[in-house]
C-alpha cells in the first residue's frame, strides 16, 4: 500500500493539486486522502476510477503494476480555481477522441 500511496501523492503533487482539492473531488475527507497517500488506508474501486480520470492514467499505473504513464498536454489554471471535475471530464473526452482516431485508422487500414 505504501508504494501505491506514494504514487498517488506524486501524481497529485506533479499536477499541482492540494490534498484538499483532490479530497473534495473524490468526496472524502482530506485526512482520509492523507492516510491513503501514506499507505495507511485502502480505497474503493470508485476512488481508483476517479483518480485515473483526474490524472489520465490507467488503474495498473496507480496500482504500481505498470510504469507507463502518458500525461495529456493540456493546460489548466494554476491559480487554485481549477475545477477537478472539469479536468477529469476533459481527460475522459481526450481519451475517447484518441480511441476514435485509433478505430478510424484501423478501419482505413482495412479498406486499403
N, C-alpha and C. Protein backbone atom coordinates (compact mmCIF):
# COMPACT_ATOMS: atom_id res chain seq x y z
N UNK A 1 0.82 -1.21 0.00
CA UNK A 1 0.00 0.00 0.00
C UNK A 1 0.87 1.27 0.00
N UNK A 2 2.04 1.20 0.60
CA UNK A 2 2.91 2.38 0.68
C UNK A 2 3.33 2.85 -0.71
N UNK A 3 3.69 1.91 -1.57
CA UNK A 3 4.12 2.27 -2.93
C UNK A 3 2.97 2.91 -3.71
N UNK A 4 1.77 2.38 -3.54
CA UNK A 4 0.59 2.93 -4.22
C UNK A 4 0.31 4.33 -3.68
N UNK A 5 0.38 4.48 -2.37
CA UNK A 5 0.17 5.80 -1.76
C UNK A 5 1.18 6.82 -2.25
N UNK A 6 2.44 6.39 -2.36
CA UNK A 6 3.47 7.29 -2.87
C UNK A 6 3.17 7.73 -4.30
N UNK A 7 2.68 6.80 -5.10
CA UNK A 7 2.37 7.13 -6.50
C UNK A 7 1.21 8.12 -6.56
N UNK A 8 0.20 7.92 -5.74
CA UNK A 8 -0.96 8.83 -5.72
C UNK A 8 -0.51 10.23 -5.27
N UNK A 9 0.34 10.28 -4.27
CA UNK A 9 0.85 11.57 -3.79
C UNK A 9 1.68 12.25 -4.87
N UNK A 10 2.55 11.50 -5.53
CA UNK A 10 3.40 12.07 -6.58
C UNK A 10 2.54 12.62 -7.72
N UNK A 11 1.50 11.89 -8.12
CA UNK A 11 0.61 12.38 -9.17
C UNK A 11 -0.05 13.70 -8.75
N UNK A 12 -0.51 13.74 -7.52
CA UNK A 12 -1.15 14.96 -7.02
C UNK A 12 -0.18 16.14 -7.05
N UNK A 13 1.01 15.91 -6.55
CA UNK A 13 2.00 16.99 -6.49
C UNK A 13 2.46 17.42 -7.88
N UNK A 14 2.67 16.45 -8.78
CA UNK A 14 3.10 16.78 -10.14
C UNK A 14 2.07 17.63 -10.88
N UNK A 15 0.80 17.45 -10.51
CA UNK A 15 -0.26 18.21 -11.15
C UNK A 15 -0.59 19.50 -10.39
N UNK A 16 0.09 19.73 -9.29
CA UNK A 16 -0.07 20.98 -8.56
C UNK A 16 -1.36 21.09 -7.77
N UNK A 17 -1.92 19.97 -7.33
CA UNK A 17 -3.17 20.00 -6.57
C UNK A 17 -2.88 19.81 -5.08
N UNK A 18 -3.70 20.44 -4.27
CA UNK A 18 -3.58 20.25 -2.82
C UNK A 18 -4.36 18.99 -2.42
N UNK A 19 -4.06 18.49 -1.23
CA UNK A 19 -4.83 17.35 -0.73
C UNK A 19 -6.30 17.72 -0.59
N UNK A 20 -6.56 18.94 -0.18
CA UNK A 20 -7.95 19.38 0.00
C UNK A 20 -8.70 19.36 -1.34
N UNK A 21 -8.05 19.86 -2.40
CA UNK A 21 -8.69 19.86 -3.72
C UNK A 21 -9.03 18.44 -4.16
N UNK A 22 -8.07 17.54 -4.06
CA UNK A 22 -8.27 16.17 -4.52
C UNK A 22 -9.29 15.46 -3.64
N UNK A 23 -9.21 15.67 -2.33
CA UNK A 23 -10.18 15.05 -1.42
C UNK A 23 -11.60 15.52 -1.74
N UNK A 24 -11.77 16.81 -1.99
CA UNK A 24 -13.09 17.34 -2.36
C UNK A 24 -13.59 16.69 -3.65
N UNK A 25 -12.70 16.57 -4.64
CA UNK A 25 -13.06 15.92 -5.91
C UNK A 25 -13.48 14.47 -5.67
N UNK A 26 -12.75 13.77 -4.80
CA UNK A 26 -13.05 12.36 -4.53
C UNK A 26 -14.26 12.18 -3.60
N UNK A 27 -14.64 13.24 -2.92
CA UNK A 27 -15.76 13.15 -1.99
C UNK A 27 -15.39 12.49 -0.67
N UNK A 28 -14.13 12.68 -0.25
CA UNK A 28 -13.66 12.14 1.02
C UNK A 28 -13.01 13.25 1.84
N UNK A 29 -12.76 12.97 3.10
CA UNK A 29 -12.07 13.93 3.96
C UNK A 29 -10.60 14.01 3.56
N UNK A 30 -10.03 15.19 3.76
CA UNK A 30 -8.60 15.38 3.49
C UNK A 30 -7.76 14.41 4.32
N UNK A 31 -8.18 14.14 5.54
CA UNK A 31 -7.43 13.22 6.40
C UNK A 31 -7.42 11.80 5.83
N UNK A 32 -8.52 11.40 5.18
CA UNK A 32 -8.56 10.08 4.54
C UNK A 32 -7.59 10.03 3.37
N UNK A 33 -7.53 11.10 2.57
CA UNK A 33 -6.59 11.13 1.45
C UNK A 33 -5.16 11.08 1.97
N UNK A 34 -4.89 11.77 3.05
CA UNK A 34 -3.57 11.75 3.65
C UNK A 34 -3.18 10.33 4.04
N UNK A 35 -4.10 9.60 4.64
CA UNK A 35 -3.84 8.21 5.04
C UNK A 35 -3.63 7.31 3.82
N UNK A 36 -4.39 7.55 2.75
CA UNK A 36 -4.21 6.79 1.51
C UNK A 36 -2.81 7.05 0.96
N UNK A 37 -2.40 8.30 0.94
CA UNK A 37 -1.08 8.66 0.41
C UNK A 37 0.06 8.10 1.26
N UNK A 38 -0.18 7.90 2.52
CA UNK A 38 0.85 7.31 3.39
C UNK A 38 0.80 5.79 3.39
N UNK A 39 -0.18 5.22 2.67
CA UNK A 39 -0.32 3.76 2.61
C UNK A 39 -0.96 3.16 3.83
N UNK A 40 -1.66 3.97 4.60
CA UNK A 40 -2.30 3.52 5.84
C UNK A 40 -3.76 3.14 5.65
N UNK A 41 -4.33 3.45 4.51
CA UNK A 41 -5.75 3.18 4.28
C UNK A 41 -5.94 2.71 2.86
N UNK A 42 -6.75 1.67 2.70
CA UNK A 42 -7.12 1.20 1.38
C UNK A 42 -8.24 2.09 0.86
N UNK A 43 -8.47 2.01 -0.45
CA UNK A 43 -9.54 2.81 -1.04
C UNK A 43 -10.37 1.94 -1.97
N UNK A 44 -11.58 2.39 -2.21
CA UNK A 44 -12.53 1.63 -3.02
C UNK A 44 -12.29 1.84 -4.51
N UNK A 45 -12.84 0.93 -5.30
CA UNK A 45 -12.70 0.97 -6.74
C UNK A 45 -13.21 2.29 -7.32
N UNK A 46 -14.28 2.84 -6.77
CA UNK A 46 -14.82 4.10 -7.26
C UNK A 46 -13.80 5.23 -7.16
N UNK A 47 -13.02 5.26 -6.08
CA UNK A 47 -11.98 6.28 -5.94
C UNK A 47 -10.86 6.05 -6.94
N UNK A 48 -10.53 4.78 -7.17
CA UNK A 48 -9.49 4.46 -8.14
C UNK A 48 -9.88 4.96 -9.53
N UNK A 49 -11.11 4.73 -9.91
CA UNK A 49 -11.58 5.19 -11.22
C UNK A 49 -11.53 6.71 -11.33
N UNK A 50 -11.93 7.41 -10.27
CA UNK A 50 -11.89 8.87 -10.30
C UNK A 50 -10.46 9.39 -10.37
N UNK A 51 -9.54 8.74 -9.66
CA UNK A 51 -8.13 9.14 -9.73
C UNK A 51 -7.58 8.94 -11.14
N UNK A 52 -7.96 7.84 -11.77
CA UNK A 52 -7.50 7.57 -13.14
C UNK A 52 -7.99 8.64 -14.10
N UNK A 53 -9.23 9.06 -13.96
CA UNK A 53 -9.75 10.13 -14.81
C UNK A 53 -9.06 11.46 -14.54
N UNK A 54 -8.84 11.75 -13.27
CA UNK A 54 -8.21 13.02 -12.92
C UNK A 54 -6.79 13.11 -13.46
N UNK A 55 -6.03 12.03 -13.31
CA UNK A 55 -4.63 12.06 -13.70
C UNK A 55 -4.38 11.45 -15.08
N UNK A 56 -5.44 11.01 -15.72
CA UNK A 56 -5.35 10.44 -17.06
C UNK A 56 -4.32 9.30 -17.11
N UNK A 57 -4.54 8.32 -16.25
CA UNK A 57 -3.65 7.17 -16.22
C UNK A 57 -4.47 5.91 -16.02
N UNK A 58 -3.83 4.79 -16.18
CA UNK A 58 -4.52 3.51 -16.03
C UNK A 58 -4.58 3.10 -14.56
N UNK A 59 -5.49 2.18 -14.27
CA UNK A 59 -5.55 1.62 -12.93
C UNK A 59 -4.26 0.89 -12.61
N UNK A 60 -3.71 0.20 -13.61
CA UNK A 60 -2.44 -0.51 -13.40
C UNK A 60 -1.33 0.45 -13.00
N UNK A 61 -1.33 1.66 -13.56
CA UNK A 61 -0.30 2.63 -13.19
C UNK A 61 -0.43 3.01 -11.72
N UNK A 62 -1.63 3.37 -11.30
CA UNK A 62 -1.83 3.76 -9.90
C UNK A 62 -1.52 2.60 -8.96
N UNK A 63 -1.88 1.38 -9.36
CA UNK A 63 -1.66 0.21 -8.52
C UNK A 63 -0.24 -0.34 -8.64
N UNK A 64 0.63 0.39 -9.34
CA UNK A 64 2.06 0.04 -9.50
C UNK A 64 2.27 -1.28 -10.23
N UNK A 65 1.35 -1.62 -11.11
CA UNK A 65 1.51 -2.81 -11.95
C UNK A 65 2.13 -2.45 -13.29
N UNK A 66 2.22 -1.14 -13.55
CA UNK A 66 2.78 -0.63 -14.80
C UNK A 66 3.45 0.71 -14.51
N UNK A 67 4.47 1.02 -15.29
CA UNK A 67 5.12 2.32 -15.17
C UNK A 67 4.81 3.20 -16.36
N UNK A 68 3.89 2.77 -17.21
CA UNK A 68 3.53 3.54 -18.40
C UNK A 68 2.51 4.61 -18.04
N UNK A 69 2.91 5.86 -18.27
CA UNK A 69 2.04 7.00 -17.96
C UNK A 69 2.29 8.07 -19.00
N UNK A 70 1.26 8.38 -19.76
CA UNK A 70 1.34 9.41 -20.80
C UNK A 70 0.40 10.54 -20.45
N UNK A 71 0.92 11.52 -19.76
CA UNK A 71 0.12 12.66 -19.33
C UNK A 71 -0.32 13.47 -20.53
N UNK A 72 -1.59 13.91 -20.51
CA UNK A 72 -2.09 14.79 -21.57
C UNK A 72 -1.38 16.13 -21.50
N UNK A 73 -1.16 16.73 -22.67
CA UNK A 73 -0.54 18.06 -22.73
C UNK A 73 -1.62 19.14 -22.78
N UNK A 74 -2.41 19.20 -21.74
CA UNK A 74 -3.49 20.18 -21.65
C UNK A 74 -3.20 21.06 -20.45
N UNK A 75 -3.27 22.35 -20.64
CA UNK A 75 -3.00 23.29 -19.54
C UNK A 75 -4.31 23.72 -18.89
N UNK A 76 -4.26 23.77 -17.57
CA UNK A 76 -5.39 24.25 -16.79
C UNK A 76 -4.90 25.38 -15.91
N UNK A 77 -5.82 26.14 -15.37
CA UNK A 77 -5.47 27.26 -14.49
C UNK A 77 -4.67 26.75 -13.31
N UNK A 78 -3.68 27.52 -12.91
CA UNK A 78 -2.85 27.14 -11.77
C UNK A 78 -3.05 28.08 -10.59
N UNK A 79 -4.15 28.83 -10.59
CA UNK A 79 -4.36 29.79 -9.51
C UNK A 79 -5.23 29.22 -8.39
N UNK A 80 -5.39 27.91 -8.37
CA UNK A 80 -6.18 27.28 -7.31
C UNK A 80 -7.66 27.23 -7.61
N UNK A 81 -8.11 27.80 -8.72
CA UNK A 81 -9.53 27.84 -9.04
C UNK A 81 -9.93 26.76 -10.04
N UNK A 82 -9.02 25.86 -10.35
CA UNK A 82 -9.31 24.81 -11.31
C UNK A 82 -10.33 23.84 -10.71
N UNK A 83 -11.31 23.46 -11.51
CA UNK A 83 -12.35 22.51 -11.11
C UNK A 83 -11.88 21.12 -11.52
N UNK A 84 -11.58 20.28 -10.55
CA UNK A 84 -11.05 18.95 -10.85
C UNK A 84 -12.07 18.07 -11.56
N UNK A 85 -13.35 18.33 -11.37
CA UNK A 85 -14.37 17.59 -12.13
C UNK A 85 -14.22 17.89 -13.62
N UNK A 86 -13.95 19.15 -13.95
CA UNK A 86 -13.75 19.55 -15.34
C UNK A 86 -12.48 18.92 -15.90
N UNK A 87 -11.42 18.92 -15.11
CA UNK A 87 -10.17 18.29 -15.54
C UNK A 87 -10.41 16.82 -15.89
N UNK A 88 -11.11 16.11 -15.01
CA UNK A 88 -11.39 14.69 -15.24
C UNK A 88 -12.23 14.49 -16.50
N UNK A 89 -13.23 15.34 -16.72
CA UNK A 89 -14.08 15.22 -17.91
C UNK A 89 -13.30 15.52 -19.18
N UNK A 90 -12.41 16.50 -19.13
CA UNK A 90 -11.57 16.81 -20.30
C UNK A 90 -10.67 15.62 -20.61
N UNK A 91 -10.05 15.04 -19.58
CA UNK A 91 -9.20 13.86 -19.79
C UNK A 91 -10.01 12.71 -20.39
N UNK A 92 -11.21 12.50 -19.88
CA UNK A 92 -12.07 11.43 -20.40
C UNK A 92 -12.40 11.68 -21.87
N UNK A 93 -12.74 12.93 -22.20
CA UNK A 93 -13.07 13.28 -23.58
C UNK A 93 -11.87 13.08 -24.51
N UNK A 94 -10.70 13.50 -24.06
CA UNK A 94 -9.48 13.33 -24.87
C UNK A 94 -9.22 11.85 -25.11
N UNK A 95 -9.42 11.03 -24.10
CA UNK A 95 -9.22 9.59 -24.28
C UNK A 95 -10.21 8.99 -25.26
N UNK A 96 -11.46 9.44 -25.22
CA UNK A 96 -12.45 8.97 -26.20
C UNK A 96 -12.04 9.38 -27.62
N UNK A 97 -11.56 10.60 -27.76
CA UNK A 97 -11.12 11.06 -29.08
C UNK A 97 -9.94 10.24 -29.59
N UNK A 98 -9.00 9.93 -28.71
CA UNK A 98 -7.86 9.08 -29.10
C UNK A 98 -8.34 7.71 -29.54
N UNK A 99 -9.30 7.16 -28.82
CA UNK A 99 -9.86 5.85 -29.18
C UNK A 99 -10.54 5.91 -30.53
N UNK A 100 -11.31 6.96 -30.78
CA UNK A 100 -11.99 7.10 -32.08
C UNK A 100 -10.99 7.24 -33.21
N UNK A 101 -9.92 7.98 -32.99
CA UNK A 101 -8.87 8.09 -34.02
C UNK A 101 -8.24 6.74 -34.31
N UNK A 102 -8.00 5.97 -33.27
CA UNK A 102 -7.40 4.65 -33.43
C UNK A 102 -8.33 3.73 -34.22
N UNK A 103 -9.62 3.78 -33.91
CA UNK A 103 -10.61 2.96 -34.64
C UNK A 103 -10.69 3.40 -36.09
N UNK A 104 -10.71 4.72 -36.31
CA UNK A 104 -10.77 5.24 -37.68
C UNK A 104 -9.55 4.82 -38.48
N UNK A 105 -8.38 4.90 -37.88
CA UNK A 105 -7.15 4.49 -38.57
C UNK A 105 -7.19 3.00 -38.92
N UNK A 106 -7.65 2.19 -37.98
CA UNK A 106 -7.74 0.75 -38.23
C UNK A 106 -8.73 0.46 -39.36
N UNK A 107 -9.86 1.17 -39.37
CA UNK A 107 -10.84 0.98 -40.44
C UNK A 107 -10.28 1.41 -41.78
N UNK A 108 -9.55 2.52 -41.81
CA UNK A 108 -8.94 2.99 -43.05
C UNK A 108 -7.87 2.00 -43.54
N UNK A 109 -7.10 1.44 -42.63
CA UNK A 109 -6.10 0.46 -43.00
C UNK A 109 -6.74 -0.80 -43.57
N UNK A 110 -7.89 -1.17 -43.03
CA UNK A 110 -8.58 -2.36 -43.52
C UNK A 110 -9.20 -2.16 -44.89
N UNK A 111 -9.49 -0.90 -45.23
CA UNK A 111 -10.08 -0.59 -46.54
C UNK A 111 -9.02 -0.59 -47.65
N UNK A 112 -7.78 -0.50 -47.29
CA UNK A 112 -6.71 -0.44 -48.29
C UNK A 112 -6.41 -1.78 -48.90
